[in-house]
């Protein structure tokens, strides 16, 4: 009987500590750029810095000739994120009817597509002036899944291949 009481007391204490730990962890979690603790300006600043570092590594790896620098400059400019558009107050969107909001979202989507088309044109122009070796280097920098989980030594991404599961031991 005494062992059962000790077990119950230990379980209750463990659950209580678990609740406290979960609460503490939840308070310290950064929910990302859109979460309550997020900071858009800091996020965009860090993202811009990472992009600049990536472009510098790519530029250095390509070993561009002076004739290729003009196309590089246009390509690099096309990669820069645009200034964040003024979207107005959230209440302004609430005042719009559903079709008006849909039209506004369609217009924003068209603007993004136009920027992407300009980027693709600059990319094609730049890619066209590269030597076959430079094209291979460029392609290696831009291969693999996106998502920020890039391993060391992998310029453009691509996670390291997962090792095959070990075969079950026979015996």
N, C-alpha and C. Protein backbone atom coordinates (compact mmCIF):
# COMPACT_ATOMS: atom_id res chain seq x y z
N UNK A 1 0.82 -1.18 0.00
CA UNK A 1 0.00 0.00 0.00
C UNK A 1 0.87 1.25 0.00
N UNK A 2 1.93 1.22 0.82
CA UNK A 2 2.80 2.38 0.89
C UNK A 2 3.50 2.61 -0.44
N UNK A 3 3.87 1.52 -1.14
CA UNK A 3 4.52 1.65 -2.44
C UNK A 3 3.58 2.29 -3.46
N UNK A 4 2.30 1.95 -3.35
CA UNK A 4 1.33 2.52 -4.28
C UNK A 4 1.19 4.02 -4.04
N UNK A 5 1.18 4.44 -2.81
CA UNK A 5 1.09 5.87 -2.48
C UNK A 5 2.33 6.61 -2.97
N UNK A 6 3.49 5.99 -2.80
CA UNK A 6 4.72 6.60 -3.29
C UNK A 6 4.71 6.72 -4.82
N UNK A 7 4.19 5.69 -5.48
CA UNK A 7 4.11 5.71 -6.93
C UNK A 7 3.18 6.82 -7.41
N UNK A 8 2.03 6.94 -6.77
CA UNK A 8 1.06 7.97 -7.15
C UNK A 8 1.66 9.36 -6.90
N UNK A 9 2.31 9.54 -5.77
CA UNK A 9 2.92 10.83 -5.47
C UNK A 9 4.00 11.17 -6.50
N UNK A 10 4.80 10.18 -6.86
CA UNK A 10 5.86 10.40 -7.86
C UNK A 10 5.25 10.75 -9.22
N UNK A 11 4.18 10.07 -9.61
CA UNK A 11 3.52 10.37 -10.89
C UNK A 11 2.94 11.78 -10.90
N UNK A 12 2.28 12.17 -9.81
CA UNK A 12 1.72 13.51 -9.74
C UNK A 12 2.82 14.58 -9.78
N UNK A 13 3.90 14.33 -9.09
CA UNK A 13 5.01 15.28 -9.10
C UNK A 13 5.62 15.37 -10.50
N UNK A 14 5.76 14.23 -11.14
CA UNK A 14 6.32 14.22 -12.49
C UNK A 14 5.44 14.97 -13.47
N UNK A 15 4.12 14.74 -13.37
CA UNK A 15 3.18 15.45 -14.25
C UNK A 15 3.22 16.95 -14.00
N UNK A 16 3.28 17.33 -12.73
CA UNK A 16 3.34 18.75 -12.40
C UNK A 16 4.60 19.39 -12.95
N UNK A 17 5.73 18.71 -12.83
CA UNK A 17 6.98 19.25 -13.36
C UNK A 17 6.92 19.32 -14.88
N UNK A 18 6.28 18.33 -15.50
CA UNK A 18 6.14 18.34 -16.96
C UNK A 18 5.33 19.53 -17.44
N UNK A 19 4.25 19.83 -16.72
CA UNK A 19 3.41 20.98 -17.07
C UNK A 19 4.21 22.28 -16.91
N UNK A 20 4.97 22.39 -15.84
CA UNK A 20 5.78 23.59 -15.63
C UNK A 20 6.84 23.73 -16.72
N UNK A 21 7.49 22.63 -17.08
CA UNK A 21 8.52 22.67 -18.12
C UNK A 21 7.91 23.04 -19.45
N UNK A 22 6.75 22.47 -19.78
CA UNK A 22 6.10 22.80 -21.04
C UNK A 22 5.71 24.27 -21.09
N UNK A 23 5.21 24.79 -19.98
CA UNK A 23 4.84 26.20 -19.92
C UNK A 23 6.05 27.09 -20.11
N UNK A 24 7.16 26.75 -19.47
CA UNK A 24 8.38 27.55 -19.61
C UNK A 24 8.89 27.48 -21.04
N UNK A 25 8.84 26.31 -21.65
CA UNK A 25 9.30 26.17 -23.03
C UNK A 25 8.42 26.97 -23.98
N UNK A 26 7.11 26.94 -23.75
CA UNK A 26 6.19 27.67 -24.62
C UNK A 26 6.43 29.16 -24.54
N UNK A 27 6.80 29.67 -23.38
CA UNK A 27 7.04 31.09 -23.24
C UNK A 27 8.32 31.53 -23.90
N UNK A 28 9.28 30.63 -24.04
CA UNK A 28 10.57 31.01 -24.62
C UNK A 28 10.67 30.71 -26.09
N UNK A 29 9.64 30.12 -26.69
CA UNK A 29 9.68 29.76 -28.10
C UNK A 29 9.46 30.99 -28.95
N UNK A 30 10.31 31.18 -29.93
CA UNK A 30 10.13 32.25 -30.91
C UNK A 30 9.28 31.66 -32.03
N UNK A 31 8.12 32.21 -32.24
CA UNK A 31 7.18 31.65 -33.20
C UNK A 31 7.50 32.04 -34.63
N UNK A 32 8.64 32.58 -34.88
CA UNK A 32 9.01 32.95 -36.23
C UNK A 32 8.60 34.36 -36.57
N UNK A 33 8.78 34.73 -37.83
CA UNK A 33 8.55 36.11 -38.22
C UNK A 33 7.10 36.57 -38.06
N UNK A 34 6.16 35.65 -38.07
CA UNK A 34 4.77 36.07 -37.96
C UNK A 34 4.21 35.85 -36.57
N UNK A 35 4.96 35.21 -35.70
CA UNK A 35 4.48 34.91 -34.37
C UNK A 35 4.50 36.12 -33.47
N UNK A 36 4.01 35.93 -32.27
CA UNK A 36 3.92 37.07 -31.35
C UNK A 36 5.28 37.64 -30.97
N UNK A 37 6.31 36.82 -31.04
CA UNK A 37 7.63 37.31 -30.68
C UNK A 37 8.47 37.60 -31.92
N UNK A 38 7.87 37.43 -33.09
CA UNK A 38 8.60 37.63 -34.33
C UNK A 38 8.92 39.09 -34.59
N UNK A 39 9.89 39.31 -35.43
CA UNK A 39 10.32 40.66 -35.75
C UNK A 39 10.62 40.68 -37.25
N UNK A 40 9.71 41.20 -38.04
CA UNK A 40 9.86 41.20 -39.49
C UNK A 40 11.15 41.88 -39.94
N UNK A 41 11.45 43.00 -39.33
CA UNK A 41 12.64 43.74 -39.77
C UNK A 41 13.90 42.91 -39.56
N UNK A 42 14.00 42.30 -38.39
CA UNK A 42 15.18 41.47 -38.09
C UNK A 42 15.24 40.27 -39.03
N UNK A 43 14.10 39.65 -39.28
CA UNK A 43 14.03 38.50 -40.18
C UNK A 43 14.52 38.89 -41.58
N UNK A 44 14.01 39.98 -42.11
CA UNK A 44 14.40 40.40 -43.46
C UNK A 44 15.86 40.83 -43.51
N UNK A 45 16.34 41.45 -42.46
CA UNK A 45 17.75 41.85 -42.40
C UNK A 45 18.65 40.61 -42.43
N UNK A 46 18.31 39.61 -41.64
CA UNK A 46 19.11 38.38 -41.61
C UNK A 46 19.02 37.66 -42.95
N UNK A 47 17.84 37.64 -43.54
CA UNK A 47 17.65 36.98 -44.83
C UNK A 47 18.48 37.67 -45.90
N UNK A 48 18.46 38.99 -45.90
CA UNK A 48 19.24 39.76 -46.86
C UNK A 48 20.73 39.50 -46.69
N UNK A 49 21.17 39.43 -45.44
CA UNK A 49 22.58 39.16 -45.17
C UNK A 49 22.98 37.77 -45.68
N UNK A 50 22.12 36.77 -45.45
CA UNK A 50 22.41 35.41 -45.95
C UNK A 50 22.47 35.39 -47.47
N UNK A 51 21.57 36.13 -48.11
CA UNK A 51 21.56 36.17 -49.58
C UNK A 51 22.85 36.81 -50.09
N UNK A 52 23.29 37.88 -49.45
CA UNK A 52 24.52 38.53 -49.87
C UNK A 52 25.72 37.61 -49.71
N UNK A 53 25.76 36.87 -48.60
CA UNK A 53 26.85 35.92 -48.39
C UNK A 53 26.83 34.83 -49.46
N UNK A 54 25.63 34.34 -49.78
CA UNK A 54 25.50 33.32 -50.82
C UNK A 54 25.98 33.86 -52.16
N UNK A 55 25.58 35.07 -52.50
CA UNK A 55 25.99 35.66 -53.76
C UNK A 55 27.50 35.86 -53.82
N UNK A 56 28.10 36.25 -52.73
CA UNK A 56 29.55 36.43 -52.69
C UNK A 56 30.26 35.09 -52.92
N UNK A 57 29.77 34.04 -52.22
CA UNK A 57 30.38 32.72 -52.41
C UNK A 57 30.22 32.25 -53.85
N UNK A 58 29.05 32.47 -54.42
CA UNK A 58 28.81 32.08 -55.80
C UNK A 58 29.71 32.86 -56.75
N UNK A 59 29.79 34.17 -56.56
CA UNK A 59 30.62 35.02 -57.41
C UNK A 59 32.07 34.56 -57.36
N UNK A 60 32.56 34.29 -56.15
CA UNK A 60 33.94 33.85 -56.00
C UNK A 60 34.16 32.48 -56.65
N UNK A 61 33.21 31.58 -56.51
CA UNK A 61 33.35 30.24 -57.06
C UNK A 61 33.31 30.24 -58.59
N UNK A 62 32.55 31.17 -59.16
CA UNK A 62 32.43 31.21 -60.63
C UNK A 62 33.68 31.76 -61.31
N UNK A 63 34.46 32.57 -60.61
CA UNK A 63 35.67 33.17 -61.19
C UNK A 63 35.33 33.86 -62.51
N UNK A 64 34.47 34.85 -62.41
CA UNK A 64 33.97 35.55 -63.59
C UNK A 64 35.04 36.39 -64.27
N UNK A 65 34.91 36.51 -65.57
CA UNK A 65 35.79 37.38 -66.34
C UNK A 65 35.18 38.78 -66.35
N UNK A 66 35.97 39.79 -66.67
CA UNK A 66 35.40 41.15 -66.74
C UNK A 66 34.23 41.26 -67.72
N UNK A 67 34.25 40.47 -68.80
CA UNK A 67 33.15 40.51 -69.77
C UNK A 67 31.85 39.97 -69.17
N UNK A 68 31.94 39.13 -68.17
CA UNK A 68 30.76 38.52 -67.58
C UNK A 68 30.17 39.34 -66.43
N UNK A 69 30.92 40.31 -65.95
CA UNK A 69 30.50 41.07 -64.77
C UNK A 69 29.19 41.85 -64.99
N UNK A 70 28.97 42.38 -66.18
CA UNK A 70 27.73 43.13 -66.44
C UNK A 70 26.50 42.24 -66.30
N UNK A 71 26.57 41.04 -66.87
CA UNK A 71 25.45 40.10 -66.75
C UNK A 71 25.28 39.66 -65.30
N UNK A 72 26.41 39.50 -64.58
CA UNK A 72 26.33 39.14 -63.16
C UNK A 72 25.60 40.21 -62.37
N UNK A 73 25.94 41.47 -62.65
CA UNK A 73 25.32 42.57 -61.90
C UNK A 73 23.81 42.58 -62.10
N UNK A 74 23.36 42.39 -63.33
CA UNK A 74 21.91 42.37 -63.60
C UNK A 74 21.25 41.18 -62.91
N UNK A 75 21.92 40.03 -62.94
CA UNK A 75 21.39 38.85 -62.27
C UNK A 75 21.30 39.09 -60.76
N UNK A 76 22.38 39.61 -60.18
CA UNK A 76 22.40 39.84 -58.73
C UNK A 76 21.32 40.84 -58.32
N UNK A 77 21.08 41.85 -59.12
CA UNK A 77 20.02 42.82 -58.81
C UNK A 77 18.64 42.17 -58.87
N UNK A 78 18.47 41.22 -59.79
CA UNK A 78 17.17 40.58 -59.93
C UNK A 78 16.85 39.66 -58.76
N UNK A 79 17.87 39.26 -58.03
CA UNK A 79 17.67 38.37 -56.89
C UNK A 79 17.28 39.14 -55.64
N UNK A 80 17.63 40.41 -55.57
CA UNK A 80 17.35 41.21 -54.38
C UNK A 80 15.84 41.30 -54.16
N UNK A 81 15.42 41.07 -52.93
CA UNK A 81 13.98 41.17 -52.66
C UNK A 81 13.52 42.62 -52.79
N UNK A 82 12.32 42.82 -53.31
CA UNK A 82 11.82 44.18 -53.45
C UNK A 82 11.45 44.74 -52.08
N UNK A 83 11.29 46.03 -52.04
CA UNK A 83 10.82 46.66 -50.80
C UNK A 83 9.43 46.12 -50.50
N UNK A 84 9.16 45.96 -49.24
CA UNK A 84 7.86 45.43 -48.85
C UNK A 84 6.77 46.42 -49.25
N UNK A 85 5.79 45.95 -50.03
CA UNK A 85 4.75 46.88 -50.49
C UNK A 85 3.89 47.35 -49.33
N UNK A 86 3.39 48.56 -49.47
CA UNK A 86 2.50 49.11 -48.45
C UNK A 86 1.14 48.45 -48.64
N UNK A 87 0.72 47.75 -47.62
CA UNK A 87 -0.54 47.01 -47.73
C UNK A 87 -1.67 47.71 -46.99
N UNK A 88 -1.38 48.80 -46.35
CA UNK A 88 -2.42 49.50 -45.62
C UNK A 88 -2.69 48.83 -44.29
N UNK A 89 -3.68 49.30 -43.63
CA UNK A 89 -4.07 48.76 -42.33
C UNK A 89 -4.92 47.52 -42.53
N UNK A 90 -4.83 46.56 -41.61
CA UNK A 90 -5.67 45.38 -41.72
C UNK A 90 -7.16 45.72 -41.79
N UNK A 91 -7.54 46.78 -41.13
CA UNK A 91 -8.93 47.20 -41.17
C UNK A 91 -9.37 47.64 -42.56
N UNK A 92 -8.42 48.15 -43.37
CA UNK A 92 -8.75 48.55 -44.74
C UNK A 92 -9.19 47.34 -45.56
N UNK A 93 -8.52 46.23 -45.37
CA UNK A 93 -8.89 45.00 -46.08
C UNK A 93 -10.26 44.53 -45.63
N UNK A 94 -10.56 44.69 -44.36
CA UNK A 94 -11.84 44.25 -43.83
C UNK A 94 -12.99 45.06 -44.42
N UNK A 95 -12.72 46.28 -44.84
CA UNK A 95 -13.76 47.13 -45.41
C UNK A 95 -14.10 46.73 -46.84
N UNK A 96 -13.22 45.99 -47.48
CA UNK A 96 -13.45 45.59 -48.87
C UNK A 96 -14.42 44.42 -48.93
N UNK A 97 -15.11 44.35 -50.05
CA UNK A 97 -15.97 43.19 -50.27
C UNK A 97 -15.09 42.02 -50.69
N UNK A 98 -15.63 40.83 -50.65
CA UNK A 98 -14.86 39.64 -51.03
C UNK A 98 -14.31 39.75 -52.46
N UNK A 99 -15.11 40.19 -53.44
CA UNK A 99 -14.54 40.33 -54.79
C UNK A 99 -13.43 41.38 -54.87
N UNK A 100 -13.57 42.47 -54.10
CA UNK A 100 -12.53 43.51 -54.10
C UNK A 100 -11.23 42.97 -53.49
N UNK A 101 -11.34 42.20 -52.40
CA UNK A 101 -10.14 41.60 -51.80
C UNK A 101 -9.49 40.63 -52.78
N UNK A 102 -10.31 39.85 -53.47
CA UNK A 102 -9.78 38.89 -54.45
C UNK A 102 -9.05 39.63 -55.57
N UNK A 103 -9.62 40.74 -56.05
CA UNK A 103 -8.96 41.54 -57.09
C UNK A 103 -7.63 42.09 -56.60
N UNK A 104 -7.61 42.55 -55.36
CA UNK A 104 -6.38 43.10 -54.79
C UNK A 104 -5.30 42.01 -54.67
N UNK A 105 -5.71 40.83 -54.22
CA UNK A 105 -4.76 39.72 -54.12
C UNK A 105 -4.25 39.30 -55.50
N UNK A 106 -5.13 39.34 -56.49
CA UNK A 106 -4.73 39.00 -57.86
C UNK A 106 -3.70 40.01 -58.37
N UNK A 107 -3.90 41.29 -58.07
CA UNK A 107 -2.96 42.32 -58.50
C UNK A 107 -1.59 42.11 -57.84
N UNK A 108 -1.58 41.80 -56.55
CA UNK A 108 -0.31 41.52 -55.87
C UNK A 108 0.38 40.31 -56.48
N UNK A 109 -0.40 39.30 -56.81
CA UNK A 109 0.16 38.10 -57.44
C UNK A 109 0.76 38.42 -58.81
N UNK A 110 0.10 39.27 -59.57
CA UNK A 110 0.63 39.68 -60.88
C UNK A 110 1.95 40.42 -60.72
N UNK A 111 2.04 41.27 -59.70
CA UNK A 111 3.29 42.00 -59.45
C UNK A 111 4.42 41.02 -59.13
N UNK A 112 4.13 40.00 -58.31
CA UNK A 112 5.16 39.00 -57.99
C UNK A 112 5.57 38.23 -59.24
N UNK A 113 4.61 37.91 -60.10
CA UNK A 113 4.93 37.19 -61.34
C UNK A 113 5.79 38.04 -62.26
N UNK A 114 5.51 39.32 -62.34
CA UNK A 114 6.33 40.21 -63.16
C UNK A 114 7.77 40.26 -62.67
N UNK A 115 7.94 40.34 -61.34
CA UNK A 115 9.30 40.33 -60.78
C UNK A 115 9.99 39.01 -61.07
N UNK A 116 9.26 37.91 -60.98
CA UNK A 116 9.85 36.60 -61.25
C UNK A 116 10.23 36.48 -62.73
N UNK A 117 9.41 37.00 -63.62
CA UNK A 117 9.72 36.96 -65.06
C UNK A 117 11.00 37.76 -65.34
N UNK A 118 11.14 38.92 -64.69
CA UNK A 118 12.36 39.72 -64.86
C UNK A 118 13.58 38.97 -64.33
N UNK A 119 13.41 38.28 -63.21
CA UNK A 119 14.51 37.49 -62.64
C UNK A 119 14.90 36.35 -63.59
N UNK A 120 13.92 35.65 -64.13
CA UNK A 120 14.22 34.54 -65.04
C UNK A 120 14.94 35.05 -66.28
N UNK A 121 14.53 36.20 -66.81
CA UNK A 121 15.21 36.77 -67.98
C UNK A 121 16.66 37.11 -67.64
N UNK A 122 16.90 37.71 -66.48
CA UNK A 122 18.27 38.04 -66.07
C UNK A 122 19.08 36.76 -65.83
N UNK A 123 18.46 35.76 -65.28
CA UNK A 123 19.14 34.48 -65.05
C UNK A 123 19.55 33.84 -66.37
N UNK A 124 18.64 33.82 -67.33
CA UNK A 124 18.96 33.23 -68.63
C UNK A 124 20.09 33.99 -69.33
N UNK A 125 20.04 35.31 -69.26
CA UNK A 125 21.10 36.12 -69.87
C UNK A 125 22.44 35.81 -69.21
N UNK A 126 22.47 35.80 -67.88
CA UNK A 126 23.71 35.51 -67.16
C UNK A 126 24.19 34.10 -67.46
N UNK A 127 23.30 33.15 -67.41
CA UNK A 127 23.67 31.74 -67.63
C UNK A 127 24.23 31.56 -69.04
N UNK A 128 23.72 32.34 -69.98
CA UNK A 128 24.18 32.24 -71.36
C UNK A 128 25.62 32.69 -71.57
N UNK A 129 26.16 33.54 -70.70
CA UNK A 129 27.54 34.01 -70.86
C UNK A 129 28.54 33.16 -70.08
N UNK A 130 28.05 32.15 -69.35
CA UNK A 130 28.95 31.31 -68.57
C UNK A 130 29.58 30.21 -69.43
N UNK A 131 30.77 29.80 -69.04
CA UNK A 131 31.43 28.66 -69.69
C UNK A 131 30.77 27.38 -69.16
N UNK A 132 30.98 26.25 -69.83
CA UNK A 132 30.40 24.99 -69.33
C UNK A 132 30.83 24.68 -67.87
N UNK A 133 32.07 24.97 -67.53
CA UNK A 133 32.52 24.72 -66.15
C UNK A 133 31.79 25.63 -65.17
N UNK A 134 31.62 26.89 -65.55
CA UNK A 134 30.91 27.83 -64.68
C UNK A 134 29.44 27.44 -64.54
N UNK A 135 28.84 26.96 -65.62
CA UNK A 135 27.45 26.51 -65.56
C UNK A 135 27.31 25.36 -64.57
N UNK A 136 28.28 24.45 -64.59
CA UNK A 136 28.24 23.32 -63.66
C UNK A 136 28.33 23.84 -62.22
N UNK A 137 29.22 24.77 -61.97
CA UNK A 137 29.36 25.35 -60.62
C UNK A 137 28.07 26.06 -60.21
N UNK A 138 27.50 26.84 -61.13
CA UNK A 138 26.26 27.56 -60.85
C UNK A 138 25.15 26.57 -60.51
N UNK A 139 25.03 25.51 -61.31
CA UNK A 139 23.98 24.52 -61.07
C UNK A 139 24.17 23.83 -59.72
N UNK A 140 25.40 23.57 -59.34
CA UNK A 140 25.66 22.93 -58.05
C UNK A 140 25.26 23.84 -56.89
N UNK A 141 25.37 25.14 -57.09
CA UNK A 141 24.99 26.08 -56.04
C UNK A 141 23.47 26.17 -55.89
N UNK A 142 22.74 25.77 -56.88
CA UNK A 142 21.29 25.94 -56.88
C UNK A 142 20.57 24.61 -57.05
N UNK A 143 21.02 23.61 -56.35
CA UNK A 143 20.39 22.30 -56.44
C UNK A 143 19.89 21.91 -55.06
N UNK A 144 18.91 21.08 -55.02
CA UNK A 144 18.47 20.53 -53.74
C UNK A 144 17.25 21.23 -53.19
N UNK A 145 16.72 20.63 -52.14
CA UNK A 145 15.50 21.18 -51.55
C UNK A 145 15.76 22.49 -50.85
N UNK A 146 14.74 23.31 -50.82
CA UNK A 146 14.82 24.59 -50.13
C UNK A 146 14.32 24.37 -48.70
N UNK A 147 14.57 25.32 -47.86
CA UNK A 147 14.02 25.22 -46.53
C UNK A 147 14.99 25.56 -45.43
N UNK A 148 16.20 25.96 -45.77
CA UNK A 148 17.09 26.44 -44.74
C UNK A 148 17.87 25.39 -43.99
N UNK A 149 17.74 24.14 -44.35
CA UNK A 149 18.48 23.09 -43.65
C UNK A 149 19.62 22.62 -44.52
N UNK A 150 20.53 23.49 -44.72
CA UNK A 150 21.66 23.18 -45.59
C UNK A 150 22.84 22.77 -44.75
N UNK A 151 23.48 21.73 -45.21
CA UNK A 151 24.62 21.23 -44.47
C UNK A 151 25.89 21.96 -44.86
N UNK A 152 26.93 21.83 -44.04
CA UNK A 152 28.21 22.48 -44.36
C UNK A 152 28.79 21.89 -45.63
N UNK A 153 29.40 22.74 -46.42
CA UNK A 153 30.02 22.28 -47.65
C UNK A 153 29.04 22.09 -48.78
N UNK A 154 27.82 22.54 -48.60
CA UNK A 154 26.81 22.40 -49.64
C UNK A 154 26.35 23.78 -50.04
N UNK A 155 27.00 24.34 -51.05
CA UNK A 155 26.79 25.74 -51.37
C UNK A 155 25.33 26.14 -51.58
N UNK A 156 24.59 25.42 -52.38
CA UNK A 156 23.24 25.87 -52.69
C UNK A 156 22.18 25.16 -51.91
N UNK A 157 22.56 24.25 -51.13
CA UNK A 157 21.55 23.52 -50.38
C UNK A 157 21.75 22.04 -50.58
N UNK A 158 20.68 21.36 -50.63
CA UNK A 158 20.79 19.92 -50.76
C UNK A 158 21.25 19.33 -49.45
N UNK A 159 20.37 18.64 -48.83
CA UNK A 159 20.75 18.04 -47.57
C UNK A 159 21.60 16.82 -47.84
N UNK A 160 22.49 16.49 -46.92
CA UNK A 160 23.29 15.31 -47.12
C UNK A 160 22.37 14.10 -47.20
N UNK A 161 22.76 13.16 -48.01
CA UNK A 161 21.97 11.97 -48.15
C UNK A 161 21.87 11.24 -46.81
N UNK A 162 20.70 10.78 -46.52
CA UNK A 162 20.50 10.04 -45.29
C UNK A 162 21.13 8.66 -45.46
N UNK A 163 21.85 8.20 -44.45
CA UNK A 163 22.42 6.86 -44.58
C UNK A 163 21.32 5.84 -44.62
N UNK A 164 21.58 4.76 -45.34
CA UNK A 164 20.60 3.68 -45.44
C UNK A 164 20.43 3.05 -44.06
N UNK A 165 19.23 2.61 -43.75
CA UNK A 165 19.04 1.99 -42.45
C UNK A 165 19.90 0.73 -42.36
N UNK A 166 20.40 0.50 -41.17
CA UNK A 166 21.24 -0.67 -40.97
C UNK A 166 20.41 -1.92 -41.11
N UNK A 167 21.02 -2.93 -41.71
CA UNK A 167 20.32 -4.20 -41.90
C UNK A 167 20.18 -4.86 -40.53
N UNK A 168 19.05 -5.50 -40.30
CA UNK A 168 18.88 -6.16 -39.02
C UNK A 168 19.93 -7.25 -38.83
N UNK A 169 20.40 -7.34 -37.62
CA UNK A 169 21.42 -8.35 -37.32
C UNK A 169 20.82 -9.73 -37.37
N UNK A 170 21.52 -10.62 -38.01
CA UNK A 170 21.05 -12.01 -38.08
C UNK A 170 21.75 -12.80 -36.98
N UNK A 171 20.99 -13.62 -36.42
CA UNK A 171 21.70 -14.41 -35.41
C UNK A 171 20.89 -15.07 -34.45
